Amino acid sequence: MIELRTYTLSSAESLDRYASIHWTRHIVSLAAFGVTTHHVWKEVGGDRPRLLALVQYADGQNPAEVTARYMGSSEFRADMEGFAAADIVDVTSTFLEPAQSDPAAEVNKPSV
């Protein structure tokens, strides 16, 4: 399961700190929970500072259960140390699957 998580931050400074320090930590700790981080982006030209993370859950994992376990963990608390949770003003989640026309989709890769 692939998920695009969008975090709206309170300021550009909070976004920079969250992206450069705390998401760097998340990448390592999420992997221990079976979650692979594929990309972490900062929105350009938006009305609010936003970070977008494209993550993938291991086959068979329930994203809600993994997220709850991760956010209740000591690893998550360590990741967020030094960051004010109030600086994250909104989080949205969108689950994705490749379209038939996606050039990266397995169905569209040439046979060897």
N, C-alpha and C. Protein backbone atom coordinates (compact mmCIF):
# COMPACT_ATOMS: atom_id res chain seq x y z
N MET A 1 0.85 -1.17 0.00
CA MET A 1 0.00 0.00 0.00
C MET A 1 0.90 1.24 0.00
N ILE A 2 0.60 2.15 -0.89
CA ILE A 2 1.37 3.40 -1.00
C ILE A 2 0.52 4.53 -0.43
N GLU A 3 1.15 5.42 0.32
CA GLU A 3 0.45 6.53 0.95
C GLU A 3 1.21 7.82 0.70
N LEU A 4 0.47 8.86 0.36
CA LEU A 4 1.02 10.21 0.28
C LEU A 4 0.51 10.97 1.49
N ARG A 5 1.44 11.33 2.37
CA ARG A 5 1.09 12.08 3.58
C ARG A 5 1.49 13.53 3.37
N THR A 6 0.56 14.44 3.65
CA THR A 6 0.80 15.87 3.48
C THR A 6 0.69 16.54 4.84
N TYR A 7 1.76 17.21 5.23
CA TYR A 7 1.83 17.91 6.51
C TYR A 7 1.84 19.40 6.24
N THR A 8 0.91 20.13 6.84
CA THR A 8 0.91 21.59 6.75
C THR A 8 1.56 22.11 8.03
N LEU A 9 2.59 22.93 7.86
CA LEU A 9 3.35 23.45 8.99
C LEU A 9 2.99 24.91 9.26
N SER A 10 3.29 25.36 10.45
CA SER A 10 2.93 26.72 10.88
C SER A 10 3.79 27.80 10.25
N SER A 11 4.99 27.45 9.79
CA SER A 11 5.88 28.46 9.22
C SER A 11 6.91 27.79 8.32
N ALA A 12 7.56 28.59 7.50
CA ALA A 12 8.63 28.07 6.64
C ALA A 12 9.78 27.52 7.48
N GLU A 13 10.04 28.16 8.61
CA GLU A 13 11.11 27.69 9.49
C GLU A 13 10.78 26.32 10.08
N SER A 14 9.53 26.14 10.49
CA SER A 14 9.10 24.84 11.01
C SER A 14 9.19 23.77 9.93
N LEU A 15 8.81 24.12 8.71
CA LEU A 15 8.92 23.18 7.60
C LEU A 15 10.36 22.76 7.38
N ASP A 16 11.27 23.72 7.34
CA ASP A 16 12.68 23.40 7.13
C ASP A 16 13.22 22.49 8.23
N ARG A 17 12.87 22.79 9.47
CA ARG A 17 13.33 21.98 10.60
C ARG A 17 12.72 20.57 10.55
N TYR A 18 11.43 20.50 10.27
CA TYR A 18 10.75 19.20 10.20
C TYR A 18 11.33 18.35 9.07
N ALA A 19 11.58 18.97 7.92
CA ALA A 19 12.10 18.23 6.76
C ALA A 19 13.54 17.79 6.98
N SER A 20 14.37 18.67 7.49
CA SER A 20 15.80 18.37 7.55
C SER A 20 16.22 17.54 8.76
N ILE A 21 15.50 17.66 9.85
CA ILE A 21 15.88 16.94 11.07
C ILE A 21 14.93 15.77 11.35
N HIS A 22 13.66 16.07 11.49
CA HIS A 22 12.72 15.08 12.01
C HIS A 22 12.31 14.04 10.97
N TRP A 23 12.12 14.44 9.71
CA TRP A 23 11.81 13.42 8.71
C TRP A 23 13.03 12.57 8.40
N THR A 24 14.20 13.12 8.53
CA THR A 24 15.42 12.31 8.38
C THR A 24 15.41 11.19 9.41
N ARG A 25 14.99 11.49 10.62
CA ARG A 25 14.87 10.47 11.66
C ARG A 25 13.76 9.48 11.35
N HIS A 26 12.61 10.00 10.88
CA HIS A 26 11.47 9.13 10.56
C HIS A 26 11.84 8.05 9.54
N ILE A 27 12.64 8.41 8.55
CA ILE A 27 13.00 7.46 7.50
C ILE A 27 13.60 6.19 8.10
N VAL A 28 14.49 6.37 9.04
CA VAL A 28 15.14 5.23 9.70
C VAL A 28 14.16 4.48 10.59
N SER A 29 13.44 5.19 11.42
CA SER A 29 12.56 4.51 12.38
C SER A 29 11.35 3.87 11.69
N LEU A 30 10.82 4.49 10.65
CA LEU A 30 9.70 3.88 9.93
C LEU A 30 10.10 2.55 9.30
N ALA A 31 11.33 2.48 8.82
CA ALA A 31 11.81 1.23 8.20
C ALA A 31 11.72 0.06 9.19
N ALA A 32 11.97 0.33 10.46
CA ALA A 32 11.89 -0.72 11.47
C ALA A 32 10.45 -1.20 11.68
N PHE A 33 9.48 -0.41 11.22
CA PHE A 33 8.06 -0.77 11.32
C PHE A 33 7.52 -1.29 9.99
N GLY A 34 8.41 -1.55 9.04
CA GLY A 34 7.99 -2.09 7.75
C GLY A 34 7.50 -1.05 6.77
N VAL A 35 7.87 0.21 6.98
CA VAL A 35 7.43 1.29 6.10
C VAL A 35 8.65 1.85 5.38
N THR A 36 8.59 1.87 4.06
CA THR A 36 9.67 2.40 3.23
C THR A 36 9.31 3.81 2.80
N THR A 37 10.22 4.74 3.01
CA THR A 37 10.02 6.11 2.55
C THR A 37 10.65 6.24 1.17
N HIS A 38 9.83 6.58 0.18
CA HIS A 38 10.33 6.72 -1.20
C HIS A 38 10.75 8.15 -1.51
N HIS A 39 9.98 9.12 -1.02
CA HIS A 39 10.28 10.52 -1.31
C HIS A 39 9.80 11.39 -0.16
N VAL A 40 10.50 12.50 0.06
CA VAL A 40 10.06 13.55 0.97
C VAL A 40 10.27 14.86 0.21
N TRP A 41 9.18 15.60 0.00
CA TRP A 41 9.23 16.83 -0.78
C TRP A 41 8.70 18.00 0.02
N LYS A 42 9.14 19.20 -0.35
CA LYS A 42 8.56 20.44 0.16
C LYS A 42 7.76 21.06 -0.99
N GLU A 43 6.54 21.47 -0.69
CA GLU A 43 5.69 22.11 -1.70
C GLU A 43 6.30 23.44 -2.11
N VAL A 44 6.23 23.74 -3.40
CA VAL A 44 6.75 24.99 -3.94
C VAL A 44 5.56 25.86 -4.35
N GLY A 45 5.56 27.11 -3.89
CA GLY A 45 4.55 28.07 -4.33
C GLY A 45 3.17 27.87 -3.75
N GLY A 46 3.05 27.10 -2.69
CA GLY A 46 1.74 26.88 -2.09
C GLY A 46 1.34 28.02 -1.18
N ASP A 47 0.10 27.97 -0.72
CA ASP A 47 -0.40 29.02 0.17
C ASP A 47 0.06 28.83 1.61
N ARG A 48 0.53 27.63 1.96
CA ARG A 48 1.04 27.32 3.30
C ARG A 48 2.27 26.44 3.15
N PRO A 49 3.16 26.44 4.14
CA PRO A 49 4.33 25.54 4.08
C PRO A 49 3.88 24.09 4.25
N ARG A 50 4.24 23.24 3.28
CA ARG A 50 3.81 21.84 3.33
C ARG A 50 4.96 20.90 3.00
N LEU A 51 4.96 19.77 3.70
CA LEU A 51 5.87 18.68 3.42
C LEU A 51 5.01 17.51 2.95
N LEU A 52 5.46 16.83 1.90
CA LEU A 52 4.77 15.66 1.39
C LEU A 52 5.72 14.48 1.44
N ALA A 53 5.23 13.37 1.95
CA ALA A 53 6.05 12.16 2.06
C ALA A 53 5.32 11.01 1.38
N LEU A 54 6.02 10.34 0.48
CA LEU A 54 5.48 9.17 -0.20
C LEU A 54 6.09 7.94 0.46
N VAL A 55 5.24 7.15 1.12
CA VAL A 55 5.71 5.98 1.85
C VAL A 55 4.97 4.74 1.37
N GLN A 56 5.58 3.59 1.63
CA GLN A 56 4.96 2.33 1.24
C GLN A 56 5.02 1.35 2.40
N TYR A 57 3.87 0.74 2.68
CA TYR A 57 3.76 -0.25 3.74
C TYR A 57 4.09 -1.63 3.18
N ALA A 58 4.69 -2.46 3.99
CA ALA A 58 4.99 -3.83 3.58
C ALA A 58 3.69 -4.56 3.24
N ASP A 59 3.78 -5.50 2.32
CA ASP A 59 2.61 -6.28 1.91
C ASP A 59 1.93 -6.88 3.13
N GLY A 60 0.62 -6.78 3.14
CA GLY A 60 -0.17 -7.37 4.21
C GLY A 60 -0.31 -6.52 5.46
N GLN A 61 0.40 -5.40 5.53
CA GLN A 61 0.29 -4.55 6.72
C GLN A 61 -0.94 -3.67 6.62
N ASN A 62 -1.56 -3.43 7.76
CA ASN A 62 -2.68 -2.50 7.86
C ASN A 62 -2.10 -1.13 8.21
N PRO A 63 -2.19 -0.16 7.29
CA PRO A 63 -1.58 1.15 7.54
C PRO A 63 -2.05 1.82 8.84
N ALA A 64 -3.33 1.70 9.17
CA ALA A 64 -3.83 2.33 10.39
C ALA A 64 -3.18 1.71 11.63
N GLU A 65 -3.05 0.39 11.63
CA GLU A 65 -2.43 -0.30 12.76
C GLU A 65 -0.95 0.05 12.87
N VAL A 66 -0.26 0.07 11.74
CA VAL A 66 1.18 0.41 11.75
C VAL A 66 1.37 1.83 12.24
N THR A 67 0.55 2.75 11.75
CA THR A 67 0.66 4.16 12.14
C THR A 67 0.43 4.31 13.64
N ALA A 68 -0.60 3.66 14.16
CA ALA A 68 -0.88 3.74 15.60
C ALA A 68 0.27 3.18 16.42
N ARG A 69 0.81 2.04 15.99
CA ARG A 69 1.94 1.43 16.71
C ARG A 69 3.16 2.34 16.66
N TYR A 70 3.44 2.89 15.49
CA TYR A 70 4.61 3.76 15.32
C TYR A 70 4.46 5.03 16.16
N MET A 71 3.30 5.68 16.09
CA MET A 71 3.12 6.94 16.81
C MET A 71 3.09 6.75 18.32
N GLY A 72 2.85 5.53 18.77
CA GLY A 72 2.90 5.24 20.20
C GLY A 72 4.25 4.73 20.67
N SER A 73 5.21 4.70 19.76
CA SER A 73 6.51 4.08 20.07
C SER A 73 7.53 5.07 20.63
N SER A 74 8.53 4.52 21.29
CA SER A 74 9.65 5.34 21.77
C SER A 74 10.45 5.88 20.59
N GLU A 75 10.47 5.15 19.47
CA GLU A 75 11.19 5.63 18.28
C GLU A 75 10.56 6.92 17.76
N PHE A 76 9.24 6.96 17.69
CA PHE A 76 8.55 8.17 17.23
C PHE A 76 8.82 9.33 18.18
N ARG A 77 8.73 9.07 19.48
CA ARG A 77 8.99 10.14 20.45
C ARG A 77 10.41 10.68 20.29
N ALA A 78 11.37 9.80 20.06
CA ALA A 78 12.75 10.24 19.86
C ALA A 78 12.88 11.04 18.57
N ASP A 79 12.18 10.60 17.51
CA ASP A 79 12.21 11.34 16.24
C ASP A 79 11.73 12.77 16.41
N MET A 80 10.71 12.95 17.23
CA MET A 80 10.06 14.26 17.36
C MET A 80 10.68 15.13 18.45
N GLU A 81 11.65 14.60 19.17
CA GLU A 81 12.27 15.37 20.24
C GLU A 81 12.81 16.69 19.70
N GLY A 82 12.44 17.78 20.38
CA GLY A 82 12.90 19.11 19.97
C GLY A 82 12.00 19.79 18.96
N PHE A 83 10.88 19.16 18.59
CA PHE A 83 9.95 19.76 17.64
C PHE A 83 8.60 19.92 18.31
N ALA A 84 8.01 21.10 18.21
CA ALA A 84 6.71 21.36 18.82
C ALA A 84 5.61 20.79 17.93
N ALA A 85 4.86 19.83 18.46
CA ALA A 85 3.79 19.20 17.68
C ALA A 85 2.78 20.24 17.18
N ALA A 86 2.61 21.32 17.92
CA ALA A 86 1.67 22.37 17.51
C ALA A 86 2.09 23.05 16.20
N ASP A 87 3.36 22.88 15.80
CA ASP A 87 3.82 23.45 14.53
C ASP A 87 3.31 22.67 13.32
N ILE A 88 2.75 21.48 13.55
CA ILE A 88 2.07 20.74 12.49
C ILE A 88 0.60 21.07 12.63
N VAL A 89 0.08 21.88 11.71
CA VAL A 89 -1.29 22.36 11.84
C VAL A 89 -2.31 21.46 11.15
N ASP A 90 -1.85 20.58 10.24
CA ASP A 90 -2.77 19.66 9.58
C ASP A 90 -1.98 18.52 8.95
N VAL A 91 -2.59 17.35 8.91
CA VAL A 91 -2.01 16.19 8.23
C VAL A 91 -3.14 15.54 7.43
N THR A 92 -2.87 15.29 6.15
CA THR A 92 -3.82 14.54 5.33
C THR A 92 -3.10 13.32 4.77
N SER A 93 -3.90 12.32 4.47
CA SER A 93 -3.36 11.06 3.98
C SER A 93 -4.17 10.64 2.76
N THR A 94 -3.46 10.25 1.70
CA THR A 94 -4.10 9.75 0.49
C THR A 94 -3.43 8.44 0.12
N PHE A 95 -4.23 7.38 -0.01
CA PHE A 95 -3.69 6.09 -0.42
C PHE A 95 -3.76 6.00 -1.94
N LEU A 96 -2.70 5.44 -2.53
CA LEU A 96 -2.53 5.45 -3.97
C LEU A 96 -2.25 4.05 -4.51
N GLU A 97 -2.61 3.86 -5.77
CA GLU A 97 -2.19 2.66 -6.50
C GLU A 97 -1.84 3.11 -7.91
N PRO A 98 -0.92 2.42 -8.57
CA PRO A 98 -0.52 2.84 -9.91
C PRO A 98 -1.67 2.69 -10.90
N ALA A 99 -1.81 3.67 -11.76
CA ALA A 99 -2.76 3.59 -12.86
C ALA A 99 -2.19 2.66 -13.93
N GLN A 100 -3.05 2.13 -14.77
CA GLN A 100 -2.61 1.25 -15.84
C GLN A 100 -1.53 1.91 -16.70
N SER A 101 -1.60 3.22 -16.86
CA SER A 101 -0.65 3.94 -17.73
C SER A 101 0.64 4.37 -17.03
N ASP A 102 0.78 4.08 -15.74
CA ASP A 102 1.98 4.48 -15.00
C ASP A 102 3.21 3.79 -15.58
N PRO A 103 4.20 4.57 -16.05
CA PRO A 103 5.38 3.95 -16.64
C PRO A 103 6.20 3.12 -15.64
N ALA A 104 6.01 3.35 -14.35
CA ALA A 104 6.76 2.58 -13.35
C ALA A 104 6.01 1.32 -12.92
N ALA A 105 4.77 1.17 -13.36
CA ALA A 105 3.98 0.00 -12.96
C ALA A 105 4.57 -1.27 -13.56
N GLU A 106 4.55 -2.34 -12.79
CA GLU A 106 5.11 -3.62 -13.23
C GLU A 106 4.51 -4.06 -14.57
N VAL A 107 3.23 -3.82 -14.76
CA VAL A 107 2.56 -4.27 -15.97
C VAL A 107 3.14 -3.60 -17.22
N ASN A 108 3.74 -2.43 -17.06
CA ASN A 108 4.27 -1.69 -18.20
C ASN A 108 5.77 -1.88 -18.42
N LYS A 109 6.42 -2.66 -17.57
CA LYS A 109 7.86 -2.89 -17.73
C LYS A 109 8.09 -3.98 -18.77
N PRO A 110 9.08 -3.78 -19.63
CA PRO A 110 9.34 -4.78 -20.67
C PRO A 110 9.83 -6.10 -20.06
N SER A 111 9.47 -7.19 -20.70
CA SER A 111 9.95 -8.51 -20.27
C SER A 111 11.41 -8.65 -20.65
N VAL A 112 12.13 -9.39 -19.83
CA VAL A 112 13.55 -9.61 -20.13
C VAL A 112 13.75 -10.99 -20.67
